[in-house]
Amino acid sequence: MFKKIAVGDIMTRNFVSVNPKTNLLDCAKEFVKQKVNGLVITKDKKLVGIITQHDILWAITKKPGLDLRKVLAMDIATKKVAVIKPSADITQAFQKMKKYGFRRLPVMSRGEIVGLLTLKDVLAIEPAFYAKSGDLLEIREEAEKLKKATQEETVSDGICEECGAYSELLKVEGRFLCPECREDLY
């Protein structure tokens, strides 16, 4: 059963924002300085868009040689942004994130942005959503690790197929290996 927790209780109140005229180079510097993946774009406490690291990478790959100092955040930002109220439940927030494919939702009250809720915030409070987050997380490497882990099966003692030592064995990727040889694999 999921907990009934209001978005306003877990949102980030001191979110990082830039103005619409901030260039992409300054946005990139802000990502590094603040250790965030997304910036809220505001004008007079009004939400006008969101820009992510992914947006900047997309712009660079589409236009090689792009001068990041000459492109404004608003030129490539997402302008149609799903928002949520601070009184909404985190279950509603998670459902909205899944529906629109967003990993962050600006929290709005009386037409002004008062916070930012990220998928990470929601999962920290309600880890059960992790299994349902699907494409929002895009953890390809973790999926591969999980696949490999499920391919391992315990066998008792025997001869390691890699080094020939007699040891407790585990079947990894179709081969029976001792603990030392398994370590060498990864």
Protein backbone atom coordinates (compact mmCIF):
# COMPACT_ATOMS: atom_id res chain seq x y z
CA MET A 1 0.00 0.00 0.00
CA PHE A 2 1.31 3.43 -0.91
CA LYS A 3 1.72 6.21 1.61
CA LYS A 4 -0.51 9.29 1.45
CA ILE A 5 2.05 12.07 1.31
CA ALA A 6 1.53 15.54 -0.13
CA VAL A 7 3.83 16.80 -2.87
CA GLY A 8 4.46 19.95 -0.83
CA ASP A 9 5.97 17.86 1.96
CA ILE A 10 8.73 16.37 -0.20
CA MET A 11 9.28 18.90 -3.00
CA THR A 12 12.52 20.82 -3.33
CA ARG A 13 11.82 24.39 -2.28
CA ASN A 14 15.25 25.74 -3.20
CA PHE A 15 15.17 24.60 -6.81
CA VAL A 16 17.65 25.93 -9.35
CA SER A 17 16.23 28.36 -11.88
CA VAL A 18 17.50 30.56 -14.69
CA ASN A 19 15.88 33.34 -16.67
CA PRO A 20 14.73 32.89 -20.28
CA LYS A 21 17.68 34.87 -21.64
CA THR A 22 20.33 32.62 -20.08
CA ASN A 23 22.52 31.06 -22.76
CA LEU A 24 23.23 27.34 -23.00
CA LEU A 25 26.84 27.67 -21.86
CA ASP A 26 25.70 29.32 -18.64
CA CYS A 27 23.02 26.64 -18.22
CA ALA A 28 25.67 23.93 -18.63
CA LYS A 29 27.85 25.64 -16.03
CA GLU A 30 24.86 25.80 -13.68
CA PHE A 31 24.21 22.05 -14.11
CA VAL A 32 27.77 21.33 -13.02
CA LYS A 33 27.88 23.90 -10.24
CA GLN A 34 24.55 22.92 -8.69
CA LYS A 35 24.87 19.17 -9.48
CA VAL A 36 21.42 18.98 -11.10
CA ASN A 37 20.09 17.56 -14.36
CA GLY A 38 17.37 20.12 -14.98
CA LEU A 39 16.82 23.84 -14.59
CA VAL A 40 13.51 25.61 -14.20
CA ILE A 41 13.18 28.69 -16.39
CA THR A 42 11.28 31.48 -14.65
CA LYS A 43 10.38 35.08 -15.24
CA ASP A 44 9.02 37.03 -12.25
CA LYS A 45 8.25 33.79 -10.35
CA LYS A 46 6.25 32.53 -13.33
CA LEU A 47 7.19 29.23 -14.95
CA VAL A 48 8.12 29.60 -18.62
CA GLY A 49 9.90 26.29 -19.26
CA ILE A 50 12.37 23.61 -18.20
CA ILE A 51 15.73 22.82 -19.73
CA THR A 52 17.62 19.60 -19.07
CA GLN A 53 21.12 18.35 -19.74
CA HIS A 54 19.56 16.09 -22.34
CA ASP A 55 18.19 19.15 -24.18
CA ILE A 56 21.66 20.67 -24.46
CA LEU A 57 23.22 17.39 -25.59
CA TRP A 58 20.49 17.04 -28.20
CA ALA A 59 21.22 20.55 -29.51
CA ILE A 60 24.95 19.86 -29.70
CA THR A 61 24.49 16.59 -31.60
CA LYS A 62 21.95 18.09 -34.02
CA LYS A 63 24.10 21.14 -34.73
CA PRO A 64 27.81 20.26 -34.42
CA GLY A 65 29.88 23.38 -33.85
CA LEU A 66 26.99 25.14 -32.12
CA ASP A 67 28.17 28.14 -30.10
CA LEU A 68 26.47 27.62 -26.73
CA ARG A 69 26.93 31.29 -25.89
CA LYS A 70 24.63 32.33 -28.75
CA VAL A 71 21.69 30.03 -28.04
CA LEU A 72 19.23 30.94 -25.30
CA ALA A 73 17.72 28.44 -22.88
CA MET A 74 14.23 29.27 -24.15
CA ASP A 75 15.24 28.38 -27.70
CA ILE A 76 15.42 24.67 -26.86
CA ALA A 77 13.57 24.37 -23.54
CA THR A 78 10.38 22.41 -23.02
CA LYS A 79 7.70 25.07 -22.82
CA LYS A 80 4.62 22.89 -22.33
CA VAL A 81 5.35 21.51 -18.89
CA ALA A 82 3.10 19.37 -16.72
CA VAL A 83 2.74 20.88 -13.26
CA ILE A 84 1.26 19.80 -9.95
CA LYS A 85 -0.16 21.45 -6.83
CA PRO A 86 1.58 21.13 -3.44
CA SER A 87 -1.60 19.56 -2.01
CA ALA A 88 -1.57 16.68 -4.54
CA ASP A 89 -0.60 13.20 -3.37
CA ILE A 90 2.71 11.71 -4.52
CA THR A 91 0.75 8.91 -6.22
CA GLN A 92 -0.93 11.53 -8.42
CA ALA A 93 2.46 13.10 -9.12
CA PHE A 94 3.97 9.77 -10.10
CA GLN A 95 1.05 9.00 -12.41
CA LYS A 96 1.43 12.39 -14.08
CA MET A 97 5.18 11.83 -14.53
CA LYS A 98 4.50 8.47 -16.19
CA LYS A 99 1.71 9.84 -18.37
CA TYR A 100 3.80 12.68 -19.80
CA GLY A 101 7.23 11.03 -19.57
CA PHE A 102 8.68 13.76 -17.33
CA ARG A 103 11.16 13.11 -14.52
CA ARG A 104 10.41 16.41 -12.80
CA LEU A 105 7.28 18.43 -12.13
CA PRO A 106 7.20 22.09 -11.17
CA VAL A 107 4.97 22.63 -8.15
CA MET A 108 2.60 25.55 -8.66
CA SER A 109 0.47 27.53 -6.23
CA ARG A 110 -1.61 30.58 -7.20
CA GLY A 111 0.13 30.82 -10.57
CA GLU A 112 3.64 30.89 -9.11
CA ILE A 113 6.24 28.16 -8.92
CA VAL A 114 6.88 27.19 -5.30
CA GLY A 115 8.95 24.04 -5.71
CA LEU A 116 10.16 21.23 -7.91
CA LEU A 117 9.35 17.55 -7.50
CA THR A 118 11.67 15.03 -9.12
CA LEU A 119 11.26 11.33 -9.72
CA LYS A 120 14.17 10.83 -7.32
CA ASP A 121 12.19 12.67 -4.59
CA VAL A 122 9.19 10.40 -5.13
CA LEU A 123 11.22 7.18 -5.18
CA ALA A 124 13.05 8.17 -2.00
CA ILE A 125 9.70 8.31 -0.19
CA GLU A 126 7.92 5.49 -2.00
CA PRO A 127 10.43 2.93 -3.36
CA ALA A 128 7.57 0.66 -4.47
CA PHE A 129 7.12 2.98 -7.48
CA TYR A 130 10.56 1.94 -8.74
CA ALA A 131 9.21 -1.20 -10.43
CA LYS A 132 6.51 0.87 -12.14
CA SER A 133 8.76 3.71 -13.31
CA GLY A 134 9.74 1.97 -16.57
CA ASP A 135 10.95 4.35 -19.28
CA LEU A 136 11.24 7.28 -16.88
CA LEU A 137 14.45 5.84 -15.46
CA GLU A 138 16.02 4.49 -18.64
CA ILE A 139 18.51 2.37 -16.72
CA ARG A 140 19.88 0.21 -19.48
CA GLU A 141 23.06 -0.82 -17.69
CA GLU A 142 21.14 -1.84 -14.58
CA ALA A 143 18.81 -3.97 -16.68
CA GLU A 144 21.83 -5.76 -18.13
CA LYS A 145 23.24 -6.34 -14.64
CA LEU A 146 19.92 -7.75 -13.49
CA LYS A 147 19.79 -10.03 -16.52
CA LYS A 148 23.29 -11.36 -15.76
CA ALA A 149 22.48 -11.79 -12.09
CA THR A 150 19.44 -13.89 -12.87
CA GLN A 151 21.52 -16.07 -15.18
CA GLU A 152 23.75 -17.10 -12.25
CA GLU A 153 22.76 -20.26 -10.47
CA THR A 154 24.38 -21.94 -7.51
CA VAL A 155 26.06 -25.29 -7.89
CA SER A 156 27.89 -27.08 -5.12
CA ASP A 157 31.62 -27.86 -5.20
CA GLY A 158 33.54 -28.78 -8.31
CA ILE A 159 36.29 -27.81 -10.75
CA CYS A 160 36.30 -24.24 -12.04
CA GLU A 161 36.06 -24.17 -15.83
CA GLU A 162 38.34 -21.12 -15.98
CA CYS A 163 41.26 -21.85 -13.65
CA GLY A 164 40.80 -25.56 -12.83
CA ALA A 165 40.71 -25.05 -9.06
CA TYR A 166 38.45 -27.13 -6.85
CA SER A 167 36.03 -24.72 -5.19
CA GLU A 168 32.42 -23.78 -4.54
CA LEU A 169 31.07 -23.04 -8.01
CA LEU A 170 28.46 -20.78 -9.48
CA LYS A 171 27.11 -21.01 -13.02
CA VAL A 172 27.75 -17.65 -14.70
CA GLU A 173 26.91 -17.08 -18.36
CA GLY A 174 26.81 -20.82 -18.97
CA ARG A 175 30.13 -21.64 -17.25
CA PHE A 176 30.88 -23.02 -13.76
CA LEU A 177 33.29 -20.60 -12.04
CA CYS A 178 34.98 -20.22 -8.65
CA PRO A 179 34.56 -16.94 -6.69
CA GLU A 180 37.95 -15.58 -7.88
CA CYS A 181 37.20 -16.15 -11.57
CA ARG A 182 33.73 -14.59 -11.15
CA GLU A 183 35.42 -11.51 -9.70
CA ASP A 184 37.70 -11.32 -12.73
CA LEU A 185 34.65 -11.34 -15.03
CA TYR A 186 33.19 -8.21 -13.53
